[in-house]
């Protein structure tokens, strides 16, 4: 079992890319990359994604942390996966600003 000091040391040694890969799945990473490319191609500084459950099921805090590690500002992540209705396909909204 790792001690808290070992966990802290490992967190400091791991690269930002490794942190992101450990927090986000490949489908979500691709969706974020596509959103960034689209925003850049339209000369926009804000990325606004609405992703269905088949693309994004990661916890909001993991997504928020990963985007902040990558240096993005004004990160907002909200999900609407209701516990009362299994037939409703929830979505996750991700909004963040590209660095200038």
Protein backbone atom coordinates (compact mmCIF):
# COMPACT_ATOMS: atom_id res chain seq x y z
CA UNK A 1 0.00 0.00 0.00
CA UNK A 2 1.29 3.45 -0.90
CA UNK A 3 1.93 6.02 1.80
CA UNK A 4 0.56 9.55 1.33
CA UNK A 5 4.11 10.82 0.78
CA UNK A 6 4.58 8.24 -2.02
CA UNK A 7 1.33 9.29 -3.67
CA UNK A 8 2.37 12.96 -3.52
CA UNK A 9 5.77 12.13 -5.03
CA UNK A 10 4.16 10.11 -7.85
CA UNK A 11 1.75 12.96 -8.62
CA UNK A 12 4.66 15.36 -8.92
CA UNK A 13 6.64 13.00 -11.16
CA UNK A 14 3.83 12.18 -13.59
CA UNK A 15 3.62 14.36 -16.70
CA UNK A 16 0.49 16.42 -17.50
CA UNK A 17 -0.19 14.13 -20.48
CA UNK A 18 -0.07 11.05 -18.25
CA UNK A 19 -2.42 12.74 -15.76
CA UNK A 20 -4.92 13.48 -18.52
CA UNK A 21 -4.67 9.95 -19.92
CA UNK A 22 -5.33 8.51 -16.47
CA UNK A 23 -8.43 10.70 -15.96
CA UNK A 24 -10.11 10.73 -19.38
CA UNK A 25 -11.02 7.94 -21.75
CA UNK A 26 -10.02 7.97 -25.42
CA UNK A 27 -13.51 8.86 -26.73
CA UNK A 28 -13.68 11.91 -24.49
CA UNK A 29 -10.12 12.96 -25.35
CA UNK A 30 -10.97 12.78 -29.06
CA UNK A 31 -14.18 14.79 -28.57
CA UNK A 32 -12.28 17.50 -26.68
CA UNK A 33 -9.55 17.58 -29.35
CA UNK A 34 -12.21 17.94 -32.07
CA UNK A 35 -13.86 20.78 -30.15
CA UNK A 36 -10.53 22.58 -29.78
CA UNK A 37 -9.74 22.21 -33.49
CA UNK A 38 -13.20 23.51 -34.43
CA UNK A 39 -12.88 26.53 -32.12
CA UNK A 40 -9.44 27.37 -33.52
CA UNK A 41 -10.66 27.01 -37.12
CA UNK A 42 -13.49 29.47 -36.38
CA UNK A 43 -11.12 31.87 -34.57
CA UNK A 44 -12.99 31.40 -31.30
CA UNK A 45 -11.40 31.24 -27.88
CA UNK A 46 -14.21 29.36 -26.16
CA UNK A 47 -14.96 25.66 -26.56
CA UNK A 48 -18.51 24.49 -25.81
CA UNK A 49 -19.18 20.74 -26.02
CA UNK A 50 -22.36 18.79 -25.30
CA UNK A 51 -21.53 15.10 -25.22
CA UNK A 52 -23.84 12.11 -24.94
CA UNK A 53 -23.27 9.29 -22.48
CA UNK A 54 -21.71 6.99 -25.08
CA UNK A 55 -18.81 9.47 -25.43
CA UNK A 56 -18.49 10.82 -21.89
CA UNK A 57 -19.17 9.06 -18.59
CA UNK A 58 -16.15 10.38 -16.70
CA UNK A 59 -16.81 12.23 -13.44
CA UNK A 60 -17.15 16.01 -13.77
CA UNK A 61 -14.28 16.63 -11.36
CA UNK A 62 -11.91 14.42 -13.38
CA UNK A 63 -12.74 16.32 -16.57
CA UNK A 64 -12.37 19.67 -14.82
CA UNK A 65 -9.02 18.65 -13.31
CA UNK A 66 -7.66 17.32 -16.60
CA UNK A 67 -8.52 20.52 -18.48
CA UNK A 68 -6.95 22.67 -15.77
CA UNK A 69 -3.78 20.54 -15.86
CA UNK A 70 -3.61 21.26 -19.59
CA UNK A 71 -3.79 25.00 -18.89
CA UNK A 72 -7.33 25.85 -19.98
CA UNK A 73 -9.24 28.65 -18.21
CA UNK A 74 -12.84 29.16 -17.14
CA UNK A 75 -13.54 25.42 -17.06
CA UNK A 76 -17.17 24.46 -16.39
CA UNK A 77 -18.40 20.86 -16.47
CA UNK A 78 -21.94 19.72 -15.71
CA UNK A 79 -23.65 16.38 -16.23
CA UNK A 80 -27.32 15.47 -16.11
CA UNK A 81 -27.48 11.73 -15.53
CA UNK A 82 -30.71 11.29 -13.57
CA UNK A 83 -30.81 8.44 -11.09
CA UNK A 84 -34.57 7.97 -11.59
CA UNK A 85 -34.74 7.20 -15.31
CA UNK A 86 -32.56 4.60 -16.99
CA UNK A 87 -34.00 5.23 -20.46
CA UNK A 88 -32.93 8.89 -20.55
CA UNK A 89 -29.54 9.31 -22.18
CA UNK A 90 -27.78 11.94 -20.13
CA UNK A 91 -25.34 14.50 -21.44
CA UNK A 92 -22.25 16.26 -20.18
CA UNK A 93 -21.66 19.92 -21.02
CA UNK A 94 -18.03 21.05 -21.08
CA UNK A 95 -17.12 24.72 -21.53
CA UNK A 96 -13.62 26.15 -21.35
CA UNK A 97 -11.51 28.97 -22.76
CA UNK A 98 -8.40 28.41 -24.86
CA UNK A 99 -5.25 30.18 -23.67
CA UNK A 100 -4.32 33.24 -25.71
